[in-house]
Amino acid sequence: MTNQPRLIDELNALHSTYVGALNTALDAGELAFATELAAEYDREAILLMAEREGRQDLLGHFGLDRDGSQLPIARVTPIRRFMQNLRAA
């Protein structure tokens, strides 16, 4: 048995880190930086899930290649939609 943390625990920790950083950026009025953080969070979470589940073959559906580089397509995720709504307000 390995001592590897559960995927959900890693995702929760990642989420907490990014929520704090996003809130700090938004409080400072740095909308562009907050938008970058939102996209970075999506990328990190997707890569973590793909790696842990052995499903790197699905990365293309999320606009990423196997190295995590952006492909020309991008999906609108909940956090990206939130940032779009903030920019529009």
PDB file of N, CA and C in Angstrom:
ATOM      1  N   MET A   1       0.845  -1.186   0.000  1.00  0.00           N
ATOM      2  CA  MET A   1       0.000   0.000   0.000  1.00  0.00           C
ATOM      3  C   MET A   1       0.887   1.245   0.000  1.00  0.00           C
ATOM      4  N   THR A   2       0.523   2.207  -0.820  1.00  0.00           N
ATOM      5  CA  THR A   2       1.332   3.423  -0.920  1.00  0.00           C
ATOM      6  C   THR A   2       0.813   4.495   0.037  1.00  0.00           C
ATOM      7  N   ASN A   3       1.643   5.471   0.287  1.00  0.00           N
ATOM      8  CA  ASN A   3       1.260   6.599   1.123  1.00  0.00           C
ATOM      9  C   ASN A   3       0.813   7.782   0.288  1.00  0.00           C
ATOM     10  N   GLN A   4       0.487   7.537  -0.969  1.00  0.00           N
ATOM     11  CA  GLN A   4       0.061   8.616  -1.858  1.00  0.00           C
ATOM     12  C   GLN A   4      -1.286   9.163  -1.377  1.00  0.00           C
ATOM     13  N   PRO A   5      -1.401  10.504  -1.288  1.00  0.00           N
ATOM     14  CA  PRO A   5      -2.681  11.082  -0.851  1.00  0.00           C
ATOM     15  C   PRO A   5      -3.793  10.772  -1.843  1.00  0.00           C
ATOM     16  N   ARG A   6      -5.007  10.800  -1.351  1.00  0.00           N
ATOM     17  CA  ARG A   6      -6.151  10.577  -2.231  1.00  0.00           C
ATOM     18  C   ARG A   6      -6.255  11.736  -3.219  1.00  0.00           C
ATOM     19  N   LEU A   7      -6.723  11.430  -4.409  1.00  0.00           N
ATOM     20  CA  LEU A   7      -6.880  12.440  -5.452  1.00  0.00           C
ATOM     21  C   LEU A   7      -7.763  13.586  -4.971  1.00  0.00           C
ATOM     22  N   ILE A   8      -8.871  13.280  -4.321  1.00  0.00           N
ATOM     23  CA  ILE A   8      -9.780  14.333  -3.857  1.00  0.00           C
ATOM     24  C   ILE A   8      -9.091  15.254  -2.857  1.00  0.00           C
ATOM     25  N   ASP A   9      -8.227  14.706  -2.015  1.00  0.00           N
ATOM     26  CA  ASP A   9      -7.508  15.543  -1.055  1.00  0.00           C
ATOM     27  C   ASP A   9      -6.529  16.476  -1.769  1.00  0.00           C
ATOM     28  N   GLU A  10      -5.861  15.955  -2.797  1.00  0.00           N
ATOM     29  CA  GLU A  10      -4.952  16.802  -3.575  1.00  0.00           C
ATOM     30  C   GLU A  10      -5.713  17.892  -4.318  1.00  0.00           C
ATOM     31  N   LEU A  11      -6.859  17.536  -4.883  1.00  0.00           N
ATOM     32  CA  LEU A  11      -7.671  18.527  -5.595  1.00  0.00           C
ATOM     33  C   LEU A  11      -8.213  19.587  -4.640  1.00  0.00           C
ATOM     34  N   ASN A  12      -8.634  19.168  -3.452  1.00  0.00           N
ATOM     35  CA  ASN A  12      -9.120  20.137  -2.461  1.00  0.00           C
ATOM     36  C   ASN A  12      -8.012  21.104  -2.044  1.00  0.00           C
ATOM     37  N   ALA A  13      -6.810  20.597  -1.851  1.00  0.00           N
ATOM     38  CA  ALA A  13      -5.681  21.452  -1.479  1.00  0.00           C
ATOM     39  C   ALA A  13      -5.354  22.429  -2.614  1.00  0.00           C
ATOM     40  N   LEU A  14      -5.355  21.931  -3.842  1.00  0.00           N
ATOM     41  CA  LEU A  14      -5.106  22.785  -5.005  1.00  0.00           C
ATOM     42  C   LEU A  14      -6.169  23.877  -5.096  1.00  0.00           C
ATOM     43  N   HIS A  15      -7.416  23.489  -4.922  1.00  0.00           N
ATOM     44  CA  HIS A  15      -8.518  24.444  -4.983  1.00  0.00           C
ATOM     45  C   HIS A  15      -8.360  25.525  -3.911  1.00  0.00           C
ATOM     46  N   SER A  16      -8.061  25.120  -2.699  1.00  0.00           N
ATOM     47  CA  SER A  16      -7.893  26.090  -1.609  1.00  0.00           C
ATOM     48  C   SER A  16      -6.790  27.095  -1.911  1.00  0.00           C
ATOM     49  N   THR A  17      -5.701  26.608  -2.449  1.00  0.00           N
ATOM     50  CA  THR A  17      -4.585  27.488  -2.794  1.00  0.00           C
ATOM     51  C   THR A  17      -5.009  28.520  -3.830  1.00  0.00           C
ATOM     52  N   TYR A  18      -5.688  28.061  -4.865  1.00  0.00           N
ATOM     53  CA  TYR A  18      -6.090  28.974  -5.930  1.00  0.00           C
ATOM     54  C   TYR A  18      -7.212  29.915  -5.501  1.00  0.00           C
ATOM     55  N   VAL A  19      -8.127  29.455  -4.651  1.00  0.00           N
ATOM     56  CA  VAL A  19      -9.186  30.344  -4.173  1.00  0.00           C
ATOM     57  C   VAL A  19      -8.573  31.511  -3.420  1.00  0.00           C
ATOM     58  N   GLY A  20      -7.599  31.219  -2.568  1.00  0.00           N
ATOM     59  CA  GLY A  20      -6.927  32.290  -1.835  1.00  0.00           C
ATOM     60  C   GLY A  20      -6.235  33.266  -2.760  1.00  0.00           C
ATOM     61  N   ALA A  21      -5.530  32.739  -3.738  1.00  0.00           N
ATOM     62  CA  ALA A  21      -4.808  33.599  -4.681  1.00  0.00           C
ATOM     63  C   ALA A  21      -5.789  34.411  -5.537  1.00  0.00           C
ATOM     64  N   LEU A  22      -6.874  33.790  -5.980  1.00  0.00           N
ATOM     65  CA  LEU A  22      -7.877  34.498  -6.779  1.00  0.00           C
ATOM     66  C   LEU A  22      -8.522  35.615  -5.965  1.00  0.00           C
ATOM     67  N   ASN A  23      -8.886  35.331  -4.731  1.00  0.00           N
ATOM     68  CA  ASN A  23      -9.506  36.354  -3.889  1.00  0.00           C
ATOM     69  C   ASN A  23      -8.557  37.525  -3.662  1.00  0.00           C
ATOM     70  N   THR A  24      -7.289  37.228  -3.438  1.00  0.00           N
ATOM     71  CA  THR A  24      -6.302  38.294  -3.244  1.00  0.00           C
ATOM     72  C   THR A  24      -6.193  39.152  -4.491  1.00  0.00           C
ATOM     73  N   ALA A  25      -6.119  38.510  -5.653  1.00  0.00           N
ATOM     74  CA  ALA A  25      -6.015  39.253  -6.913  1.00  0.00           C
ATOM     75  C   ALA A  25      -7.263  40.096  -7.158  1.00  0.00           C
ATOM     76  N   LEU A  26      -8.436  39.526  -6.905  1.00  0.00           N
ATOM     77  CA  LEU A  26      -9.673  40.275  -7.123  1.00  0.00           C
ATOM     78  C   LEU A  26      -9.803  41.435  -6.142  1.00  0.00           C
ATOM     79  N   ASP A  27      -9.417  41.220  -4.885  1.00  0.00           N
ATOM     80  CA  ASP A  27      -9.457  42.306  -3.889  1.00  0.00           C
ATOM     81  C   ASP A  27      -8.540  43.458  -4.292  1.00  0.00           C
ATOM     82  N   ALA A  28      -7.444  43.116  -4.971  1.00  0.00           N
ATOM     83  CA  ALA A  28      -6.494  44.143  -5.419  1.00  0.00           C
ATOM     84  C   ALA A  28      -6.899  44.755  -6.759  1.00  0.00           C
ATOM     85  N   GLY A  29      -8.019  44.285  -7.318  1.00  0.00           N
ATOM     86  CA  GLY A  29      -8.482  44.821  -8.593  1.00  0.00           C
ATOM     87  C   GLY A  29      -7.699  44.319  -9.788  1.00  0.00           C
ATOM     88  N   GLU A  30      -6.984  43.224  -9.631  1.00  0.00           N
ATOM     89  CA  GLU A  30      -6.150  42.664 -10.699  1.00  0.00           C
ATOM     90  C   GLU A  30      -6.928  41.586 -11.456  1.00  0.00           C
ATOM     91  N   LEU A  31      -7.898  42.023 -12.225  1.00  0.00           N
ATOM     92  CA  LEU A  31      -8.774  41.108 -12.940  1.00  0.00           C
ATOM     93  C   LEU A  31      -8.024  40.254 -13.957  1.00  0.00           C
ATOM     94  N   ALA A  32      -7.080  40.842 -14.667  1.00  0.00           N
ATOM     95  CA  ALA A  32      -6.319  40.084 -15.678  1.00  0.00           C
ATOM     96  C   ALA A  32      -5.519  38.964 -15.007  1.00  0.00           C
ATOM     97  N   PHE A  33      -4.892  39.278 -13.867  1.00  0.00           N
ATOM     98  CA  PHE A  33      -4.117  38.261 -13.160  1.00  0.00           C
ATOM     99  C   PHE A  33      -5.042  37.182 -12.602  1.00  0.00           C
ATOM    100  N   ALA A  34      -6.203  37.569 -12.104  1.00  0.00           N
ATOM    101  CA  ALA A  34      -7.165  36.594 -11.592  1.00  0.00           C
ATOM    102  C   ALA A  34      -7.630  35.660 -12.708  1.00  0.00           C
ATOM    103  N   THR A  35      -7.813  36.204 -13.894  1.00  0.00           N
ATOM    104  CA  THR A  35      -8.210  35.383 -15.041  1.00  0.00           C
ATOM    105  C   THR A  35      -7.118  34.373 -15.388  1.00  0.00           C
ATOM    106  N   GLU A  36      -5.868  34.811 -15.334  1.00  0.00           N
ATOM    107  CA  GLU A  36      -4.743  33.891 -15.566  1.00  0.00           C
ATOM    108  C   GLU A  36      -4.719  32.796 -14.508  1.00  0.00           C
ATOM    109  N   LEU A  37      -4.946  33.165 -13.261  1.00  0.00           N
ATOM    110  CA  LEU A  37      -4.966  32.177 -12.181  1.00  0.00           C
ATOM    111  C   LEU A  37      -6.074  31.149 -12.385  1.00  0.00           C
ATOM    112  N   ALA A  38      -7.239  31.609 -12.826  1.00  0.00           N
ATOM    113  CA  ALA A  38      -8.356  30.698 -13.072  1.00  0.00           C
ATOM    114  C   ALA A  38      -7.989  29.673 -14.142  1.00  0.00           C
ATOM    115  N   ALA A  39      -7.373  30.128 -15.215  1.00  0.00           N
ATOM    116  CA  ALA A  39      -6.957  29.216 -16.287  1.00  0.00           C
ATOM    117  C   ALA A  39      -5.866  28.271 -15.802  1.00  0.00           C
ATOM    118  N   GLU A  40      -4.952  28.778 -14.979  1.00  0.00           N
ATOM    119  CA  GLU A  40      -3.883  27.955 -14.432  1.00  0.00           C
ATOM    120  C   GLU A  40      -4.443  26.871 -13.509  1.00  0.00           C
ATOM    121  N   TYR A  41      -5.436  27.243 -12.706  1.00  0.00           N
ATOM    122  CA  TYR A  41      -6.077  26.258 -11.821  1.00  0.00           C
ATOM    123  C   TYR A  41      -6.706  25.138 -12.648  1.00  0.00           C
ATOM    124  N   ASP A  42      -7.473  25.506 -13.677  1.00  0.00           N
ATOM    125  CA  ASP A  42      -8.088  24.490 -14.541  1.00  0.00           C
ATOM    126  C   ASP A  42      -7.033  23.537 -15.083  1.00  0.00           C
ATOM    127  N   ARG A  43      -5.958  24.102 -15.599  1.00  0.00           N
ATOM    128  CA  ARG A  43      -4.883  23.302 -16.190  1.00  0.00           C
ATOM    129  C   ARG A  43      -4.287  22.355 -15.161  1.00  0.00           C
ATOM    130  N   GLU A  44      -3.943  22.860 -13.998  1.00  0.00           N
ATOM    131  CA  GLU A  44      -3.321  22.030 -12.961  1.00  0.00           C
ATOM    132  C   GLU A  44      -4.259  20.929 -12.488  1.00  0.00           C
ATOM    133  N   ALA A  45      -5.535  21.247 -12.290  1.00  0.00           N
ATOM    134  CA  ALA A  45      -6.494  20.245 -11.827  1.00  0.00           C
ATOM    135  C   ALA A  45      -6.705  19.155 -12.880  1.00  0.00           C
ATOM    136  N   ILE A  46      -6.844  19.564 -14.127  1.00  0.00           N
ATOM    137  CA  ILE A  46      -7.052  18.593 -15.207  1.00  0.00           C
ATOM    138  C   ILE A  46      -5.840  17.682 -15.360  1.00  0.00           C
ATOM    139  N   LEU A  47      -4.638  18.271 -15.321  1.00  0.00           N
ATOM    140  CA  LEU A  47      -3.423  17.464 -15.448  1.00  0.00           C
ATOM    141  C   LEU A  47      -3.292  16.490 -14.282  1.00  0.00           C
ATOM    142  N   LEU A  48      -3.613  16.935 -13.087  1.00  0.00           N
ATOM    143  CA  LEU A  48      -3.530  16.072 -11.910  1.00  0.00           C
ATOM    144  C   LEU A  48      -4.486  14.891 -12.041  1.00  0.00           C
ATOM    145  N   MET A  49      -5.715  15.167 -12.438  1.00  0.00           N
ATOM    146  CA  MET A  49      -6.689  14.082 -12.604  1.00  0.00           C
ATOM    147  C   MET A  49      -6.269  13.112 -13.701  1.00  0.00           C
ATOM    148  N   ALA A  50      -5.817  13.651 -14.827  1.00  0.00           N
ATOM    149  CA  ALA A  50      -5.410  12.791 -15.936  1.00  0.00           C
ATOM    150  C   ALA A  50      -4.239  11.897 -15.543  1.00  0.00           C
ATOM    151  N   GLU A  51      -3.269  12.481 -14.839  1.00  0.00           N
ATOM    152  CA  GLU A  51      -2.098  11.710 -14.418  1.00  0.00           C
ATOM    153  C   GLU A  51      -2.490  10.618 -13.430  1.00  0.00           C
ATOM    154  N   ARG A  52      -3.258  10.981 -12.425  1.00  0.00           N
ATOM    155  CA  ARG A  52      -3.616  10.019 -11.387  1.00  0.00           C
ATOM    156  C   ARG A  52      -4.542   8.923 -11.900  1.00  0.00           C
ATOM    157  N   GLU A  53      -5.392   9.247 -12.851  1.00  0.00           N
ATOM    158  CA  GLU A  53      -6.330   8.273 -13.392  1.00  0.00           C
ATOM    159  C   GLU A  53      -5.787   7.549 -14.629  1.00  0.00           C
ATOM    160  N   GLY A  54      -4.593   7.945 -15.074  1.00  0.00           N
ATOM    161  CA  GLY A  54      -4.010   7.309 -16.253  1.00  0.00           C
ATOM    162  C   GLY A  54      -4.787   7.603 -17.522  1.00  0.00           C
ATOM    163  N   ARG A  55      -5.353   8.803 -17.630  1.00  0.00           N
ATOM    164  CA  ARG A  55      -6.184   9.150 -18.782  1.00  0.00           C
ATOM    165  C   ARG A  55      -5.660  10.362 -19.521  1.00  0.00           C
ATOM    166  N   GLN A  56      -4.366  10.388 -19.798  1.00  0.00           N
ATOM    167  CA  GLN A  56      -3.793  11.488 -20.558  1.00  0.00           C
ATOM    168  C   GLN A  56      -4.392  11.579 -21.961  1.00  0.00           C
ATOM    169  N   ASP A  57      -5.003  10.491 -22.411  1.00  0.00           N
ATOM    170  CA  ASP A  57      -5.623  10.492 -23.730  1.00  0.00           C
ATOM    171  C   ASP A  57      -6.802  11.464 -23.823  1.00  0.00           C
ATOM    172  N   LEU A  58      -7.351  11.876 -22.696  1.00  0.00           N
ATOM    173  CA  LEU A  58      -8.491  12.793 -22.693  1.00  0.00           C
ATOM    174  C   LEU A  58      -8.092  14.268 -22.620  1.00  0.00           C
ATOM    175  N   LEU A  59      -6.804  14.554 -22.489  1.00  0.00           N
ATOM    176  CA  LEU A  59      -6.361  15.941 -22.326  1.00  0.00           C
ATOM    177  C   LEU A  59      -6.774  16.843 -23.488  1.00  0.00           C
ATOM    178  N   GLY A  60      -6.787  16.296 -24.686  1.00  0.00           N
ATOM    179  CA  GLY A  60      -7.176  17.078 -25.856  1.00  0.00           C
ATOM    180  C   GLY A  60      -8.589  17.638 -25.761  1.00  0.00           C
ATOM    181  N   HIS A  61      -9.464  16.948 -25.047  1.00  0.00           N
ATOM    182  CA  HIS A  61     -10.831  17.432 -24.866  1.00  0.00           C
ATOM    183  C   HIS A  61     -10.874  18.712 -24.035  1.00  0.00           C
ATOM    184  N   PHE A  62      -9.800  18.965 -23.290  1.00  0.00           N
ATOM    185  CA  PHE A  62      -9.733  20.135 -22.425  1.00  0.00           C
ATOM    186  C   PHE A  62      -8.748  21.183 -22.938  1.00  0.00           C
ATOM    187  N   GLY A  63      -8.313  21.010 -24.189  1.00  0.00           N
ATOM    188  CA  GLY A  63      -7.428  22.001 -24.796  1.00  0.00           C
ATOM    189  C   GLY A  63      -5.990  21.888 -24.345  1.00  0.00           C
ATOM    190  N   LEU A  64      -5.573  20.698 -23.893  1.00  0.00           N
ATOM    191  CA  LEU A  64      -4.201  20.483 -23.431  1.00  0.00           C
ATOM    192  C   LEU A  64      -3.568  19.327 -24.173  1.00  0.00           C
ATOM    193  N   ASP A  65      -2.239  19.398 -24.335  1.00  0.00           N
ATOM    194  CA  ASP A  65      -1.540  18.235 -24.855  1.00  0.00           C
ATOM    195  C   ASP A  65      -0.962  17.460 -23.667  1.00  0.00           C
ATOM    196  N   ARG A  66      -0.256  16.377 -23.943  1.00  0.00           N
ATOM    197  CA  ARG A  66       0.248  15.516 -22.862  1.00  0.00           C
ATOM    198  C   ARG A  66       1.233  16.217 -21.927  1.00  0.00           C
ATOM    199  N   ASP A  67       1.880  17.275 -22.405  1.00  0.00           N
ATOM    200  CA  ASP A  67       2.815  18.029 -21.571  1.00  0.00           C
ATOM    201  C   ASP A  67       2.128  19.139 -20.792  1.00  0.00           C
ATOM    202  N   GLY A  68       0.831  19.324 -21.028  1.00  0.00           N
ATOM    203  CA  GLY A  68       0.099  20.382 -20.353  1.00  0.00           C
ATOM    204  C   GLY A  68       0.101  21.694 -21.100  1.00  0.00           C
ATOM    205  N   SER A  69       0.691  21.699 -22.295  1.00  0.00           N
ATOM    206  CA  SER A  69       0.693  22.923 -23.101  1.00  0.00           C
ATOM    207  C   SER A  69      -0.696  23.147 -23.683  1.00  0.00           C
ATOM    208  N   GLN A  70      -1.037  24.415 -23.887  1.00  0.00           N
ATOM    209  CA  GLN A  70      -2.343  24.768 -24.428  1.00  0.00           C
ATOM    210  C   GLN A  70      -2.436  24.402 -25.901  1.00  0.00           C
ATOM    211  N   LEU A  71      -3.547  23.838 -26.272  1.00  0.00           N
ATOM    212  CA  LEU A  71      -3.883  23.613 -27.667  1.00  0.00           C
ATOM    213  C   LEU A  71      -4.756  24.776 -28.126  1.00  0.00           C
ATOM    214  N   PRO A  72      -4.975  24.923 -29.434  1.00  0.00           N
ATOM    215  CA  PRO A  72      -5.739  26.068 -29.927  1.00  0.00           C
ATOM    216  C   PRO A  72      -7.179  26.143 -29.412  1.00  0.00           C
ATOM    217  N   ILE A  73      -7.736  25.049 -28.893  1.00  0.00           N
ATOM    218  CA  ILE A  73      -9.108  25.100 -28.382  1.00  0.00           C
ATOM    219  C   ILE A  73      -9.079  25.304 -26.871  1.00  0.00           C
ATOM    220  N   ALA A  74     -10.140  25.835 -26.336  1.00  0.00           N
ATOM    221  CA  ALA A  74     -10.256  26.008 -24.887  1.00  0.00           C
ATOM    222  C   ALA A  74     -11.705  25.792 -24.491  1.00  0.00           C
ATOM    223  N   ARG A  75     -11.913  25.082 -23.432  1.00  0.00           N
ATOM    224  CA  ARG A  75     -13.255  24.827 -22.916  1.00  0.00           C
ATOM    225  C   ARG A  75     -13.616  25.885 -21.882  1.00  0.00           C
ATOM    226  N   VAL A  76     -14.886  26.196 -21.806  1.00  0.00           N
ATOM    227  CA  VAL A  76     -15.359  27.124 -20.785  1.00  0.00           C
ATOM    228  C   VAL A  76     -15.729  26.294 -19.556  1.00  0.00           C
ATOM    229  N   THR A  77     -14.910  26.413 -18.532  1.00  0.00           N
ATOM    230  CA  THR A  77     -15.144  25.701 -17.283  1.00  0.00           C
ATOM    231  C   THR A  77     -15.851  26.648 -16.313  1.00  0.00           C
ATOM    232  N   PRO A  78     -16.398  26.136 -15.215  1.00  0.00           N
ATOM    233  CA  PRO A  78     -17.096  27.025 -14.275  1.00  0.00           C
ATOM    234  C   PRO A  78     -16.252  28.207 -13.798  1.00  0.00           C
ATOM    235  N   ILE A  79     -14.992  27.982 -13.503  1.00  0.00           N
ATOM    236  CA  ILE A  79     -14.178  29.087 -13.003  1.00  0.00           C
ATOM    237  C   ILE A  79     -13.889  30.097 -14.115  1.00  0.00           C
ATOM    238  N   ARG A  80     -13.730  29.615 -15.325  1.00  0.00           N
ATOM    239  CA  ARG A  80     -13.528  30.552 -16.443  1.00  0.00           C
ATOM    240  C   ARG A  80     -14.814  31.341 -16.710  1.00  0.00           C
ATOM    241  N   ARG A  81     -15.978  30.688 -16.605  1.00  0.00           N
ATOM    242  CA  ARG A  81     -17.253  31.377 -16.783  1.00  0.00           C
ATOM    243  C   ARG A  81     -17.426  32.451 -15.707  1.00  0.00           C
ATOM    244  N   PHE A  82     -17.039  32.143 -14.477  1.00  0.00           N
ATOM    245  CA  PHE A  82     -17.097  33.111 -13.382  1.00  0.00           C
ATOM    246  C   PHE A  82     -16.259  34.341 -13.715  1.00  0.00           C
ATOM    247  N   MET A  83     -15.053  34.117 -14.209  1.00  0.00           N
ATOM    248  CA  MET A  83     -14.164  35.236 -14.552  1.00  0.00           C
ATOM    249  C   MET A  83     -14.740  36.043 -15.719  1.00  0.00           C
ATOM    250  N   GLN A  84     -15.352  35.372 -16.689  1.00  0.00           N
ATOM    251  CA  GLN A  84     -15.975  36.082 -17.809  1.00  0.00           C
ATOM    252  C   GLN A  84     -17.100  36.981 -17.299  1.00  0.00           C
ATOM    253  N   ASN A  85     -17.887  36.464 -16.356  1.00  0.00           N
ATOM    254  CA  ASN A  85     -18.982  37.248 -15.794  1.00  0.00           C
ATOM    255  C   ASN A  85     -18.452  38.448 -15.013  1.00  0.00           C
ATOM    256  N   LEU A  86     -17.353  38.284 -14.304  1.00  0.00           N
ATOM    257  CA  LEU A  86     -16.760  39.400 -13.580  1.00  0.00           C
ATOM    258  C   LEU A  86     -16.262  40.479 -14.527  1.00  0.00           C
ATOM    259  N   ARG A  87     -15.619  40.059 -15.617  1.00  0.00           N
ATOM    260  CA  ARG A  87     -15.125  41.034 -16.597  1.00  0.00           C
ATOM    261  C   ARG A  87     -16.262  41.799 -17.243  1.00  0.00           C
ATOM    262  N   ALA A  88     -17.399  41.102 -17.452  1.00  0.00           N
ATOM    263  CA  ALA A  88     -18.543  41.731 -18.114  1.00  0.00           C
ATOM    264  C   ALA A  88     -19.289  42.704 -17.185  1.00  0.00           C
ATOM    265  N   ALA A  89     -19.126  42.507 -15.891  1.00  0.00           N
ATOM    266  CA  ALA A  89     -19.874  43.354 -14.923  1.00  0.00           C
ATOM    267  C   ALA A  89     -19.321  44.767 -14.844  1.00  0.00           C
TER     268      ALA A  89
END
